[in-house]
Amino acid sequence: DAIVMIENKSDCNIIVRIEGIGTTKYRLAVPAHDDNSVVVAKGNYLFTSIVCGAQYASQKTIQKPIMVALGSSK
């Protein structure tokens, strides 16, 4: 297992969907200007979210703890 931390630098609350192979799915709510984390099994995941109306999608291989920062603080 590995920890995934999502840092939300935007002014909008977001929900990040983390989808793995098969039925492995996580939904992580991250308040504006805050962070949240979840423990996932190691493997390949598709991260998707909508950040203040902008689509975000990224394929990631999780083998160790990682941090993903979304949005830009102004």
PDB file of N, CA and C in Angstrom:
ATOM      1  N   ASP A   1       0.834  -1.200   0.000  1.00  0.00           N
ATOM      2  CA  ASP A   1       0.000   0.000   0.000  1.00  0.00           C
ATOM      3  C   ASP A   1       0.870   1.251   0.000  1.00  0.00           C
ATOM      4  N   ALA A   2       0.291   2.365  -0.437  1.00  0.00           N
ATOM      5  CA  ALA A   2       1.009   3.639  -0.464  1.00  0.00           C
ATOM      6  C   ALA A   2       0.021   4.779  -0.234  1.00  0.00           C
ATOM      7  N   ILE A   3       0.515   5.855   0.348  1.00  0.00           N
ATOM      8  CA  ILE A   3      -0.327   7.027   0.610  1.00  0.00           C
ATOM      9  C   ILE A   3      -0.300   7.952  -0.597  1.00  0.00           C
ATOM     10  N   VAL A   4      -1.486   8.417  -0.999  1.00  0.00           N
ATOM     11  CA  VAL A   4      -1.610   9.444  -2.034  1.00  0.00           C
ATOM     12  C   VAL A   4      -2.155  10.693  -1.354  1.00  0.00           C
ATOM     13  N   MET A   5      -1.392  11.787  -1.418  1.00  0.00           N
ATOM     14  CA  MET A   5      -1.868  13.049  -0.857  1.00  0.00           C
ATOM     15  C   MET A   5      -2.189  14.001  -2.005  1.00  0.00           C
ATOM     16  N   ILE A   6      -3.373  14.596  -1.948  1.00  0.00           N
ATOM     17  CA  ILE A   6      -3.786  15.575  -2.949  1.00  0.00           C
ATOM     18  C   ILE A   6      -3.802  16.941  -2.282  1.00  0.00           C
ATOM     19  N   GLU A   7      -3.068  17.884  -2.853  1.00  0.00           N
ATOM     20  CA  GLU A   7      -3.055  19.259  -2.351  1.00  0.00           C
ATOM     21  C   GLU A   7      -3.873  20.110  -3.319  1.00  0.00           C
ATOM     22  N   ASN A   8      -4.867  20.798  -2.801  1.00  0.00           N
ATOM     23  CA  ASN A   8      -5.740  21.635  -3.616  1.00  0.00           C
ATOM     24  C   ASN A   8      -5.339  23.090  -3.447  1.00  0.00           C
ATOM     25  N   LYS A   9      -4.698  23.661  -4.483  1.00  0.00           N
ATOM     26  CA  LYS A   9      -4.258  25.062  -4.415  1.00  0.00           C
ATOM     27  C   LYS A   9      -5.285  26.008  -5.028  1.00  0.00           C
ATOM     28  N   SER A  10      -6.424  25.469  -5.444  1.00  0.00           N
ATOM     29  CA  SER A  10      -7.435  26.301  -6.104  1.00  0.00           C
ATOM     30  C   SER A  10      -8.403  26.912  -5.096  1.00  0.00           C
ATOM     31  N   ASP A  11      -9.282  27.778  -5.608  1.00  0.00           N
ATOM     32  CA  ASP A  11     -10.304  28.412  -4.772  1.00  0.00           C
ATOM     33  C   ASP A  11     -11.579  27.578  -4.700  1.00  0.00           C
ATOM     34  N   CYS A  12     -11.593  26.395  -5.321  1.00  0.00           N
ATOM     35  CA  CYS A  12     -12.797  25.572  -5.396  1.00  0.00           C
ATOM     36  C   CYS A  12     -12.603  24.248  -4.659  1.00  0.00           C
ATOM     37  N   ASN A  13     -13.647  23.779  -3.996  1.00  0.00           N
ATOM     38  CA  ASN A  13     -13.622  22.440  -3.421  1.00  0.00           C
ATOM     39  C   ASN A  13     -13.631  21.446  -4.579  1.00  0.00           C
ATOM     40  N   ILE A  14     -12.867  20.374  -4.458  1.00  0.00           N
ATOM     41  CA  ILE A  14     -12.808  19.387  -5.540  1.00  0.00           C
ATOM     42  C   ILE A  14     -13.000  17.973  -4.996  1.00  0.00           C
ATOM     43  N   ILE A  15     -13.369  17.083  -5.898  1.00  0.00           N
ATOM     44  CA  ILE A  15     -13.388  15.655  -5.605  1.00  0.00           C
ATOM     45  C   ILE A  15     -12.487  14.989  -6.638  1.00  0.00           C
ATOM     46  N   VAL A  16     -11.481  14.281  -6.156  1.00  0.00           N
ATOM     47  CA  VAL A  16     -10.556  13.585  -7.050  1.00  0.00           C
ATOM     48  C   VAL A  16     -10.972  12.116  -7.110  1.00  0.00           C
ATOM     49  N   ARG A  17     -11.167  11.610  -8.315  1.00  0.00           N
ATOM     50  CA  ARG A  17     -11.484  10.198  -8.514  1.00  0.00           C
ATOM     51  C   ARG A  17     -10.196   9.480  -8.878  1.00  0.00           C
ATOM     52  N   ILE A  18      -9.917   8.411  -8.161  1.00  0.00           N
ATOM     53  CA  ILE A  18      -8.709   7.612  -8.399  1.00  0.00           C
ATOM     54  C   ILE A  18      -9.196   6.223  -8.763  1.00  0.00           C
ATOM     55  N   GLU A  19      -9.010   5.846 -10.032  1.00  0.00           N
ATOM     56  CA  GLU A  19      -9.536   4.575 -10.515  1.00  0.00           C
ATOM     57  C   GLU A  19      -8.397   3.647 -10.911  1.00  0.00           C
ATOM     58  N   GLY A  20      -8.425   2.451 -10.330  1.00  0.00           N
ATOM     59  CA  GLY A  20      -7.426   1.446 -10.642  1.00  0.00           C
ATOM     60  C   GLY A  20      -7.996   0.381 -11.560  1.00  0.00           C
ATOM     61  N   ILE A  21      -7.233  -0.664 -11.750  1.00  0.00           N
ATOM     62  CA  ILE A  21      -7.658  -1.782 -12.586  1.00  0.00           C
ATOM     63  C   ILE A  21      -8.808  -2.506 -11.890  1.00  0.00           C
ATOM     64  N   GLY A  22      -9.791  -2.928 -12.668  1.00  0.00           N
ATOM     65  CA  GLY A  22     -10.916  -3.666 -12.088  1.00  0.00           C
ATOM     66  C   GLY A  22     -11.870  -2.738 -11.357  1.00  0.00           C
ATOM     67  N   THR A  23     -12.220  -3.092 -10.138  1.00  0.00           N
ATOM     68  CA  THR A  23     -13.232  -2.325  -9.407  1.00  0.00           C
ATOM     69  C   THR A  23     -12.628  -1.390  -8.369  1.00  0.00           C
ATOM     70  N   THR A  24     -11.304  -1.238  -8.361  1.00  0.00           N
ATOM     71  CA  THR A  24     -10.662  -0.389  -7.360  1.00  0.00           C
ATOM     72  C   THR A  24     -10.917   1.076  -7.687  1.00  0.00           C
ATOM     73  N   LYS A  25     -11.727   1.737  -6.845  1.00  0.00           N
ATOM     74  CA  LYS A  25     -12.040   3.149  -7.068  1.00  0.00           C
ATOM     75  C   LYS A  25     -12.023   3.879  -5.741  1.00  0.00           C
ATOM     76  N   TYR A  26     -11.467   5.073  -5.771  1.00  0.00           N
ATOM     77  CA  TYR A  26     -11.448   5.922  -4.586  1.00  0.00           C
ATOM     78  C   TYR A  26     -11.991   7.285  -4.992  1.00  0.00           C
ATOM     79  N   ARG A  27     -12.699   7.928  -4.068  1.00  0.00           N
ATOM     80  CA  ARG A  27     -13.149   9.309  -4.266  1.00  0.00           C
ATOM     81  C   ARG A  27     -12.651  10.094  -3.064  1.00  0.00           C
ATOM     82  N   LEU A  28     -11.897  11.138  -3.334  1.00  0.00           N
ATOM     83  CA  LEU A  28     -11.277  11.901  -2.259  1.00  0.00           C
ATOM     84  C   LEU A  28     -11.720  13.361  -2.351  1.00  0.00           C
ATOM     85  N   ALA A  29     -12.450  13.826  -1.345  1.00  0.00           N
ATOM     86  CA  ALA A  29     -12.869  15.232  -1.302  1.00  0.00           C
ATOM     87  C   ALA A  29     -11.728  16.062  -0.734  1.00  0.00           C
ATOM     88  N   VAL A  30     -11.412  17.162  -1.436  1.00  0.00           N
ATOM     89  CA  VAL A  30     -10.322  18.033  -0.989  1.00  0.00           C
ATOM     90  C   VAL A  30     -10.838  19.474  -0.958  1.00  0.00           C
ATOM     91  N   PRO A  31     -10.963  20.058   0.231  1.00  0.00           N
ATOM     92  CA  PRO A  31     -11.443  21.445   0.319  1.00  0.00           C
ATOM     93  C   PRO A  31     -10.469  22.424  -0.339  1.00  0.00           C
ATOM     94  N   ALA A  32     -10.977  23.591  -0.741  1.00  0.00           N
ATOM     95  CA  ALA A  32     -10.132  24.625  -1.334  1.00  0.00           C
ATOM     96  C   ALA A  32      -8.995  24.993  -0.380  1.00  0.00           C
ATOM     97  N   HIS A  33      -7.794  25.167  -0.924  1.00  0.00           N
ATOM     98  CA  HIS A  33      -6.596  25.553  -0.161  1.00  0.00           C
ATOM     99  C   HIS A  33      -6.333  24.616   1.008  1.00  0.00           C
ATOM    100  N   ASP A  34      -6.511  23.327   0.778  1.00  0.00           N
ATOM    101  CA  ASP A  34      -6.281  22.339   1.829  1.00  0.00           C
ATOM    102  C   ASP A  34      -5.753  21.067   1.162  1.00  0.00           C
ATOM    103  N   ASP A  35      -5.563  20.024   1.941  1.00  0.00           N
ATOM    104  CA  ASP A  35      -5.137  18.755   1.363  1.00  0.00           C
ATOM    105  C   ASP A  35      -5.862  17.608   2.041  1.00  0.00           C
ATOM    106  N   ASN A  36      -5.779  16.438   1.416  1.00  0.00           N
ATOM    107  CA  ASN A  36      -6.391  15.238   1.964  1.00  0.00           C
ATOM    108  C   ASN A  36      -5.597  14.062   1.417  1.00  0.00           C
ATOM    109  N   SER A  37      -5.678  12.928   2.089  1.00  0.00           N
ATOM    110  CA  SER A  37      -4.904  11.778   1.630  1.00  0.00           C
ATOM    111  C   SER A  37      -5.723  10.502   1.771  1.00  0.00           C
ATOM    112  N   VAL A  38      -5.282   9.484   1.035  1.00  0.00           N
ATOM    113  CA  VAL A  38      -5.936   8.182   1.060  1.00  0.00           C
ATOM    114  C   VAL A  38      -4.845   7.127   0.869  1.00  0.00           C
ATOM    115  N   VAL A  39      -5.039   5.970   1.475  1.00  0.00           N
ATOM    116  CA  VAL A  39      -4.105   4.859   1.283  1.00  0.00           C
ATOM    117  C   VAL A  39      -4.666   3.967   0.182  1.00  0.00           C
ATOM    118  N   VAL A  40      -3.861   3.721  -0.852  1.00  0.00           N
ATOM    119  CA  VAL A  40      -4.293   2.886  -1.975  1.00  0.00           C
ATOM    120  C   VAL A  40      -3.322   1.720  -2.137  1.00  0.00           C
ATOM    121  N   ALA A  41      -3.795   0.660  -2.764  1.00  0.00           N
ATOM    122  CA  ALA A  41      -2.909  -0.455  -3.102  1.00  0.00           C
ATOM    123  C   ALA A  41      -1.980   0.003  -4.219  1.00  0.00           C
ATOM    124  N   LYS A  42      -0.746  -0.468  -4.215  1.00  0.00           N
ATOM    125  CA  LYS A  42       0.193  -0.098  -5.275  1.00  0.00           C
ATOM    126  C   LYS A  42      -0.328  -0.576  -6.622  1.00  0.00           C
ATOM    127  N   GLY A  43      -0.073   0.229  -7.653  1.00  0.00           N
ATOM    128  CA  GLY A  43      -0.520  -0.141  -8.987  1.00  0.00           C
ATOM    129  C   GLY A  43      -0.715   1.070  -9.868  1.00  0.00           C
ATOM    130  N   ASN A  44      -1.400   0.868 -11.002  1.00  0.00           N
ATOM    131  CA  ASN A  44      -1.655   1.939 -11.968  1.00  0.00           C
ATOM    132  C   ASN A  44      -3.034   2.531 -11.738  1.00  0.00           C
ATOM    133  N   TYR A  45      -3.116   3.852 -11.773  1.00  0.00           N
ATOM    134  CA  TYR A  45      -4.368   4.545 -11.514  1.00  0.00           C
ATOM    135  C   TYR A  45      -4.570   5.688 -12.489  1.00  0.00           C
ATOM    136  N   LEU A  46      -5.843   5.978 -12.751  1.00  0.00           N
ATOM    137  CA  LEU A  46      -6.218   7.169 -13.494  1.00  0.00           C
ATOM    138  C   LEU A  46      -6.808   8.158 -12.495  1.00  0.00           C
ATOM    139  N   PHE A  47      -6.193   9.328 -12.407  1.00  0.00           N
ATOM    140  CA  PHE A  47      -6.671  10.398 -11.534  1.00  0.00           C
ATOM    141  C   PHE A  47      -7.494  11.351 -12.386  1.00  0.00           C
ATOM    142  N   THR A  48      -8.722  11.644 -11.974  1.00  0.00           N
ATOM    143  CA  THR A  48      -9.536  12.618 -12.692  1.00  0.00           C
ATOM    144  C   THR A  48     -10.219  13.547 -11.697  1.00  0.00           C
ATOM    145  N   SER A  49     -10.424  14.785 -12.124  1.00  0.00           N
ATOM    146  CA  SER A  49     -11.113  15.760 -11.289  1.00  0.00           C
ATOM    147  C   SER A  49     -11.539  16.938 -12.159  1.00  0.00           C
ATOM    148  N   ILE A  50     -12.386  17.779 -11.595  1.00  0.00           N
ATOM    149  CA  ILE A  50     -12.713  19.058 -12.217  1.00  0.00           C
ATOM    150  C   ILE A  50     -12.322  20.136 -11.212  1.00  0.00           C
ATOM    151  N   VAL A  51     -11.367  20.970 -11.607  1.00  0.00           N
ATOM    152  CA  VAL A  51     -10.839  22.004 -10.723  1.00  0.00           C
ATOM    153  C   VAL A  51     -11.346  23.358 -11.226  1.00  0.00           C
ATOM    154  N   CYS A  52     -12.307  23.925 -10.532  1.00  0.00           N
ATOM    155  CA  CYS A  52     -12.896  25.218 -10.920  1.00  0.00           C
ATOM    156  C   CYS A  52     -13.341  25.198 -12.380  1.00  0.00           C
ATOM    157  N   GLY A  53     -13.943  24.105 -12.828  1.00  0.00           N
ATOM    158  CA  GLY A  53     -14.445  24.004 -14.188  1.00  0.00           C
ATOM    159  C   GLY A  53     -13.458  23.436 -15.186  1.00  0.00           C
ATOM    160  N   ALA A  54     -12.201  23.286 -14.813  1.00  0.00           N
ATOM    161  CA  ALA A  54     -11.177  22.746 -15.724  1.00  0.00           C
ATOM    162  C   ALA A  54     -11.003  21.245 -15.486  1.00  0.00           C
ATOM    163  N   GLN A  55     -10.982  20.486 -16.564  1.00  0.00           N
ATOM    164  CA  GLN A  55     -10.804  19.036 -16.462  1.00  0.00           C
ATOM    165  C   GLN A  55      -9.351  18.701 -16.117  1.00  0.00           C
ATOM    166  N   TYR A  56      -9.174  17.734 -15.239  1.00  0.00           N
ATOM    167  CA  TYR A  56      -7.844  17.214 -14.930  1.00  0.00           C
ATOM    168  C   TYR A  56      -7.895  15.701 -15.069  1.00  0.00           C
ATOM    169  N   ALA A  57      -6.932  15.153 -15.783  1.00  0.00           N
ATOM    170  CA  ALA A  57      -6.815  13.693 -15.898  1.00  0.00           C
ATOM    171  C   ALA A  57      -5.341  13.345 -16.005  1.00  0.00           C
ATOM    172  N   SER A  58      -4.915  12.331 -15.267  1.00  0.00           N
ATOM    173  CA  SER A  58      -3.516  11.923 -15.295  1.00  0.00           C
ATOM    174  C   SER A  58      -3.399  10.448 -14.932  1.00  0.00           C
ATOM    175  N   GLN A  59      -2.588   9.738 -15.699  1.00  0.00           N
ATOM    176  CA  GLN A  59      -2.323   8.323 -15.417  1.00  0.00           C
ATOM    177  C   GLN A  59      -1.076   8.258 -14.541  1.00  0.00           C
ATOM    178  N   LYS A  60      -1.162   7.557 -13.421  1.00  0.00           N
ATOM    179  CA  LYS A  60      -0.015   7.471 -12.526  1.00  0.00           C
ATOM    180  C   LYS A  60       0.204   6.030 -12.070  1.00  0.00           C
ATOM    181  N   THR A  61       1.466   5.682 -11.911  1.00  0.00           N
ATOM    182  CA  THR A  61       1.836   4.393 -11.320  1.00  0.00           C
ATOM    183  C   THR A  61       2.261   4.666  -9.888  1.00  0.00           C
ATOM    184  N   ILE A  62       1.543   4.089  -8.953  1.00  0.00           N
ATOM    185  CA  ILE A  62       1.821   4.319  -7.527  1.00  0.00           C
ATOM    186  C   ILE A  62       2.639   3.140  -6.997  1.00  0.00           C
ATOM    187  N   GLN A  63       3.875   3.411  -6.635  1.00  0.00           N
ATOM    188  CA  GLN A  63       4.729   2.400  -6.020  1.00  0.00           C
ATOM    189  C   GLN A  63       5.249   2.853  -4.661  1.00  0.00           C
ATOM    190  N   LYS A  64       5.114   4.157  -4.391  1.00  0.00           N
ATOM    191  CA  LYS A  64       5.554   4.736  -3.121  1.00  0.00           C
ATOM    192  C   LYS A  64       4.656   5.933  -2.839  1.00  0.00           C
ATOM    193  N   PRO A  65       4.711   6.487  -1.628  1.00  0.00           N
ATOM    194  CA  PRO A  65       3.865   7.637  -1.322  1.00  0.00           C
ATOM    195  C   PRO A  65       4.090   8.778  -2.319  1.00  0.00           C
ATOM    196  N   ILE A  66       3.020   9.446  -2.732  1.00  0.00           N
ATOM    197  CA  ILE A  66       3.150  10.545  -3.682  1.00  0.00           C
ATOM    198  C   ILE A  66       2.240  11.698  -3.285  1.00  0.00           C
ATOM    199  N   MET A  67       2.606  12.890  -3.734  1.00  0.00           N
ATOM    200  CA  MET A  67       1.771  14.065  -3.517  1.00  0.00           C
ATOM    201  C   MET A  67       1.462  14.688  -4.856  1.00  0.00           C
ATOM    202  N   VAL A  68       0.192  15.031  -5.064  1.00  0.00           N
ATOM    203  CA  VAL A  68      -0.242  15.665  -6.304  1.00  0.00           C
ATOM    204  C   VAL A  68      -0.845  17.009  -5.936  1.00  0.00           C
ATOM    205  N   ALA A  69      -0.336  18.092  -6.535  1.00  0.00           N
ATOM    206  CA  ALA A  69      -0.881  19.430  -6.293  1.00  0.00           C
ATOM    207  C   ALA A  69      -1.734  19.828  -7.491  1.00  0.00           C
ATOM    208  N   LEU A  70      -2.956  20.267  -7.221  1.00  0.00           N
ATOM    209  CA  LEU A  70      -3.878  20.682  -8.282  1.00  0.00           C
ATOM    210  C   LEU A  70      -4.275  22.131  -8.091  1.00  0.00           C
ATOM    211  N   GLY A  71      -4.500  22.823  -9.197  1.00  0.00           N
ATOM    212  CA  GLY A  71      -4.912  24.224  -9.141  1.00  0.00           C
ATOM    213  C   GLY A  71      -3.728  25.126  -8.916  1.00  0.00           C
ATOM    214  N   SER A  72      -3.959  26.409  -9.053  1.00  0.00           N
ATOM    215  CA  SER A  72      -2.891  27.374  -8.817  1.00  0.00           C
ATOM    216  C   SER A  72      -3.403  28.446  -7.866  1.00  0.00           C
ATOM    217  N   SER A  73      -2.613  28.744  -6.872  1.00  0.00           N
ATOM    218  CA  SER A  73      -3.029  29.779  -5.924  1.00  0.00           C
ATOM    219  C   SER A  73      -2.579  31.140  -6.489  1.00  0.00           C
ATOM    220  N   LYS A  74      -3.477  32.114  -6.408  1.00  0.00           N
ATOM    221  CA  LYS A  74      -3.164  33.426  -6.984  1.00  0.00           C
ATOM    222  C   LYS A  74      -2.851  34.409  -5.881  1.00  0.00           C
TER     223      LYS A  74
END
